[in-house]
Protein backbone atom coordinates (compact mmCIF):
# COMPACT_ATOMS: atom_id res chain seq x y z
CA MET A 1 24.66 0.26 -1.16
CA GLU A 2 24.95 3.95 -1.07
CA LEU A 3 21.23 5.27 -0.93
CA LEU A 4 21.75 9.06 -0.38
CA THR A 5 22.61 9.76 -4.12
CA LEU A 6 20.74 11.91 -6.54
CA PRO A 7 19.48 9.10 -8.98
CA ILE A 8 17.78 7.37 -5.80
CA LEU A 9 16.37 10.85 -4.73
CA ALA A 10 15.52 11.84 -8.22
CA VAL A 11 13.11 8.71 -8.14
CA ALA A 12 12.39 8.31 -4.40
CA ILE A 13 10.54 12.12 -3.89
CA PRO A 14 8.25 11.87 -6.86
CA ALA A 15 7.62 8.28 -5.47
CA VAL A 16 6.96 9.35 -1.78
CA LEU A 17 4.77 12.14 -2.97
CA PHE A 18 2.66 9.84 -4.98
CA ALA A 19 2.20 7.65 -1.75
CA GLY A 20 1.28 10.50 0.39
CA ILE A 21 -1.40 12.01 -2.34
CA SER A 22 -2.68 8.25 -2.88
CA LYS A 23 -3.24 7.31 0.71
CA GLY A 24 -4.25 10.91 1.85
CA GLY A 25 -6.98 11.26 -0.75
CA PHE A 26 -8.13 8.32 -2.60
CA GLY A 27 -8.13 5.22 -0.49
CA SER A 28 -7.42 2.91 -3.66
CA GLY A 29 -4.47 1.01 -2.22
CA ALA A 30 -2.24 2.43 -4.91
CA ALA A 31 0.37 3.64 -2.74
CA PHE A 32 2.08 0.69 -2.71
CA ALA A 33 3.29 1.74 -6.44
CA SER A 34 5.93 3.90 -4.57
CA ALA A 35 7.65 0.49 -3.29
CA SER A 36 7.17 -0.95 -6.72
CA ILE A 37 9.09 1.87 -8.41
CA LEU A 38 11.93 1.75 -5.65
CA ALA A 39 12.30 -2.28 -6.05
CA ILE A 40 13.46 -1.50 -9.60
CA LEU A 41 16.31 0.44 -8.39
CA LEU A 42 16.79 -1.39 -5.16
CA THR A 43 16.65 -4.50 -3.76
CA PRO A 44 12.96 -5.57 -2.26
CA GLY A 45 13.97 -5.23 1.34
CA GLN A 46 15.66 -1.83 0.87
CA ALA A 47 12.42 -0.49 -1.04
CA LEU A 48 10.03 -2.16 1.66
CA GLY A 49 12.33 -0.89 4.26
CA ILE A 50 12.35 2.76 2.83
CA MET A 51 8.63 2.87 2.44
CA LEU A 52 7.13 1.18 5.85
CA PRO A 53 8.29 4.27 8.23
CA LEU A 54 6.95 7.14 5.30
CA LEU A 55 3.62 5.28 5.07
CA MET A 56 3.16 5.15 8.91
CA LEU A 57 3.98 8.68 9.03
CA ILE A 58 1.51 9.12 5.82
CA ASP A 59 -1.13 7.39 8.20
CA VAL A 60 -0.29 9.41 11.31
CA THR A 61 -0.42 12.70 9.07
CA SER A 62 -3.91 11.85 7.59
CA LEU A 63 -5.53 9.81 10.52
CA PRO A 64 -6.97 13.13 12.18
CA ALA A 65 -8.65 14.15 9.06
CA TYR A 66 -10.85 11.42 9.10
CA TRP A 67 -10.65 11.18 12.80
CA LYS A 68 -13.87 8.85 13.76
CA LYS A 69 -15.29 8.72 10.40
CA TRP A 70 -14.55 5.49 9.81
CA SER A 71 -16.60 2.14 10.15
CA TRP A 72 -15.34 0.23 13.23
CA PRO A 73 -17.07 -2.82 12.82
CA ASP A 74 -15.31 -3.18 9.47
CA ALA A 75 -12.07 -2.04 10.35
CA ARG A 76 -12.10 -4.11 13.32
CA VAL A 77 -12.82 -7.15 11.48
CA LEU A 78 -10.01 -6.44 8.77
CA MET A 79 -7.52 -5.89 11.68
CA LEU A 80 -8.15 -8.89 13.28
CA GLY A 81 -7.73 -11.00 9.93
CA ALA A 82 -4.36 -9.01 9.12
CA VAL A 83 -2.93 -10.72 12.16
CA PRO A 84 -2.44 -14.15 10.76
CA GLY A 85 -1.68 -12.81 7.72
CA THR A 86 0.99 -10.61 8.86
CA VAL A 87 2.77 -13.59 10.54
CA LEU A 88 2.41 -16.01 7.73
CA ALA A 89 3.91 -13.54 5.33
CA ALA A 90 7.13 -12.54 7.73
CA LEU A 91 7.39 -16.72 7.41
CA PHE A 92 7.36 -16.55 3.79
CA TYR A 93 9.83 -13.77 3.64
CA SER A 94 12.38 -15.23 6.12
CA VAL A 95 12.82 -17.98 3.38
CA ALA A 96 12.18 -16.40 -0.10
CA ASP A 97 14.81 -15.60 -2.45
CA PRO A 98 14.72 -11.67 -3.25
CA ASP A 99 13.81 -12.52 -7.21
CA VAL A 100 10.85 -14.17 -5.66
CA ILE A 101 9.56 -11.05 -3.84
CA ARG A 102 10.47 -8.62 -6.86
CA PHE A 103 8.40 -11.21 -8.68
CA LEU A 104 5.63 -11.32 -6.39
CA ILE A 105 5.36 -7.44 -6.18
CA GLY A 106 5.57 -7.03 -10.08
CA VAL A 107 2.45 -9.82 -10.40
CA ILE A 108 0.41 -8.03 -7.50
CA SER A 109 0.93 -4.58 -9.82
CA ILE A 110 -0.36 -5.90 -12.48
CA VAL A 111 -3.03 -7.92 -10.84
CA PHE A 112 -4.13 -4.79 -9.23
CA VAL A 113 -4.42 -3.16 -12.31
CA CYS A 114 -6.32 -5.91 -14.12
CA TRP A 115 -8.79 -5.79 -11.01
CA GLN A 116 -9.50 -2.23 -10.72
CA LEU A 117 -10.22 -2.23 -14.87
CA ALA A 118 -12.32 -5.24 -14.31
CA GLN A 119 -14.35 -3.57 -11.70
CA LYS A 120 -14.74 -0.54 -13.79
CA ALA A 121 -15.85 -2.44 -16.68
CA GLY A 122 -18.53 -3.84 -14.46
CA LEU A 123 -16.94 -7.29 -14.63
CA PHE A 124 -16.61 -7.87 -10.95
CA ARG A 125 -19.88 -7.96 -9.03
CA LEU A 126 -20.22 -7.27 -5.25
CA ALA A 127 -22.98 -8.84 -3.32
CA ASP A 128 -26.39 -7.83 -2.97
CA GLN A 129 -26.25 -7.98 0.39
CA ARG A 130 -22.91 -6.58 2.90
CA TYR A 131 -20.35 -9.08 3.66
CA GLY A 132 -20.20 -10.90 6.97
CA ALA A 133 -17.27 -11.36 9.49
CA ARG A 134 -16.14 -14.29 7.50
CA VAL A 135 -15.25 -12.71 4.32
CA GLY A 136 -14.26 -9.53 6.30
CA LEU A 137 -11.36 -11.90 8.08
CA THR A 138 -10.38 -13.59 4.98
CA ALA A 139 -9.93 -10.19 3.50
CA GLY A 140 -7.76 -9.37 6.28
CA VAL A 141 -5.60 -12.34 6.03
CA GLY A 142 -4.79 -10.97 2.23
CA ILE A 143 -4.50 -7.67 3.73
CA GLY A 144 -1.52 -8.85 6.00
CA PHE A 145 0.13 -10.84 3.63
CA THR A 146 0.45 -8.56 0.60
CA SER A 147 0.83 -5.70 2.83
CA PHE A 148 3.63 -7.19 4.18
CA VAL A 149 5.58 -8.57 1.30
CA SER A 150 4.86 -5.47 -1.26
CA HIS A 151 2.84 -3.01 1.03
CA ALA A 152 0.14 -3.62 -1.25
CA GLY A 153 -2.72 -4.57 1.27
CA GLY A 154 -5.15 -2.16 -0.66
CA PRO A 155 -7.32 -4.64 -2.98
CA ALA A 156 -8.03 -6.99 -0.68
CA ALA A 157 -9.28 -4.23 1.77
CA ALA A 158 -11.10 -2.85 -1.21
CA VAL A 159 -12.84 -6.24 -1.92
CA TYR A 160 -14.51 -6.00 1.35
CA LEU A 161 -15.22 -2.29 1.86
CA LEU A 162 -17.04 -1.68 -1.68
CA GLY A 163 -19.03 -4.75 -0.83
CA GLN A 164 -19.88 -2.41 2.56
CA ARG A 165 -21.07 0.02 0.31
CA LEU A 166 -19.61 2.77 2.43
CA PRO A 167 -19.71 6.58 1.67
CA LYS A 168 -16.79 7.91 0.11
CA THR A 169 -15.15 9.64 3.05
CA THR A 170 -16.05 6.81 5.38
CA TYR A 171 -14.80 4.26 3.00
CA GLN A 172 -11.40 6.51 3.06
CA ALA A 173 -11.17 6.72 6.82
CA THR A 174 -11.69 3.21 7.45
CA THR A 175 -8.56 2.41 5.22
CA VAL A 176 -6.52 4.86 6.60
CA LEU A 177 -7.34 3.42 10.33
CA VAL A 178 -7.02 -0.18 8.83
CA PHE A 179 -3.37 0.47 7.28
CA TRP A 180 -2.17 2.38 10.30
CA ALA A 181 -2.70 -0.49 12.35
CA VAL A 182 -1.37 -3.20 10.01
CA ASN A 183 1.69 -1.14 9.30
CA LEU A 184 2.29 -0.20 13.09
CA PHE A 185 2.14 -4.60 13.83
CA LYS A 186 4.45 -5.23 10.78
CA SER A 187 7.03 -2.65 11.48
CA SER A 188 7.90 -4.97 14.62
CA PHE A 189 8.49 -7.88 12.17
CA TYR A 190 10.65 -5.54 9.68
CA ALA A 191 12.85 -4.28 12.66
CA LEU A 192 13.21 -8.20 13.82
CA MET A 193 13.91 -9.36 10.55
CA GLY A 194 16.55 -6.48 9.67
CA ILE A 195 14.63 -4.92 6.54
CA PHE A 196 15.07 -1.23 8.64
CA THR A 197 18.46 -0.39 8.35
CA PHE A 198 20.83 2.73 9.10
CA GLU A 199 20.86 3.81 5.48
CA THR A 200 17.11 3.09 4.70
CA LEU A 201 16.28 5.16 8.11
CA LEU A 202 18.82 7.87 6.90
CA LEU A 203 16.89 8.20 3.71
CA ASP A 204 13.50 8.24 5.62
CA LEU A 205 14.59 11.37 7.20
CA VAL A 206 15.39 13.24 3.92
CA LEU A 207 11.99 11.87 2.50
CA ALA A 208 9.66 12.49 5.46
CA PRO A 209 8.81 16.06 4.33
CA PHE A 210 7.74 15.01 0.99
CA ALA A 211 5.44 12.56 2.64
CA VAL A 212 3.75 14.65 4.83
CA LEU A 213 3.61 17.51 1.79
CA GLY A 214 1.86 14.36 -0.29
CA THR A 215 -0.61 13.60 2.38
CA TRP A 216 -1.75 17.37 2.60
CA LEU A 217 -1.99 17.30 -1.14
CA GLY A 218 -3.97 14.31 -1.03
CA ILE A 219 -6.43 15.58 1.41
CA ARG A 220 -7.07 18.63 -0.75
CA ALA A 221 -7.31 16.56 -3.71
CA HIS A 222 -9.58 14.50 -2.67
CA LYS A 223 -12.78 16.61 -3.65
CA ARG A 224 -11.11 18.44 -6.16
CA VAL A 225 -9.09 16.36 -8.51
CA PRO A 226 -10.75 13.79 -10.94
CA GLU A 227 -10.35 10.12 -9.71
CA ARG A 228 -10.49 9.19 -13.43
CA LEU A 229 -7.31 11.52 -13.94
CA PHE A 230 -5.35 10.08 -11.20
CA PHE A 231 -6.32 6.42 -11.17
CA GLY A 232 -5.40 6.34 -15.13
CA LEU A 233 -1.80 7.58 -14.29
CA THR A 234 -1.72 5.19 -11.58
CA TYR A 235 -2.86 2.20 -13.96
CA ALA A 236 -0.02 3.13 -16.31
CA MET A 237 2.62 3.44 -13.94
CA LEU A 238 1.80 -0.01 -12.19
CA THR A 239 1.73 -1.69 -15.32
CA ILE A 240 5.35 -0.40 -16.54
CA THR A 241 7.05 -0.93 -13.30
CA GLY A 242 5.02 -4.20 -12.55
CA ALA A 243 6.38 -5.57 -15.82
CA LYS A 244 9.62 -4.68 -15.38
CA LEU A 245 9.91 -6.25 -12.05
CA ILE A 246 9.05 -9.40 -13.39
CA TRP A 247 11.30 -9.21 -16.38
CA ASP A 248 14.22 -8.21 -13.97
CA SER A 249 13.04 -11.32 -11.51
CA LEU A 250 12.99 -13.86 -14.50
CA SER A 251 15.95 -12.37 -16.15
């Protein structure tokens, strides 16, 4: 399938800009919405293969702004847990039908929105004390698995990191570091499994400037843009794309 077409670029450019803004400034894990959007037009493998190099570029671009502002103990336990989670996801992906992956991306999108709304409504209670290493390792496994199959490791990271009650910038810096490491690790599996192709990498070259621009905008929006507005648009977009992917996979 030819990827360098105007219809695909018309959807991919805003999606990549959004991913950069989300990862660079808001740390919600909602950047995976870009892969969900692309999965409506493309196969899940193509959507994942296109987005991973761009997400890695966004990680590298945003990392200097948060250098050494992270919580290393929390980052370390999540990264350790992500290793077996990534391996399990690679095994699952290797035997799953594309419609199963499409369905899973859609379900994760809807669950992400429900979880975020429940948290804001006070239905989700954090522990009275900081979580220990066991919870962190479990969250890391969830990060590795969901990140591999949908680039959606954010919710698992948020469950753990929100419980640590980190300051906003420390929270953001920790997520940037964790997903930089997780994306680097899973990229080797993507390469070995043929998820990266010449066509996806060629499209990445075209989209790379938009990923950097989105990250630059996100870092500056970190203190200027109301989170309620950003997340409201994000939740609406994820609900629509998630429902569409579930419908497509079942029909």
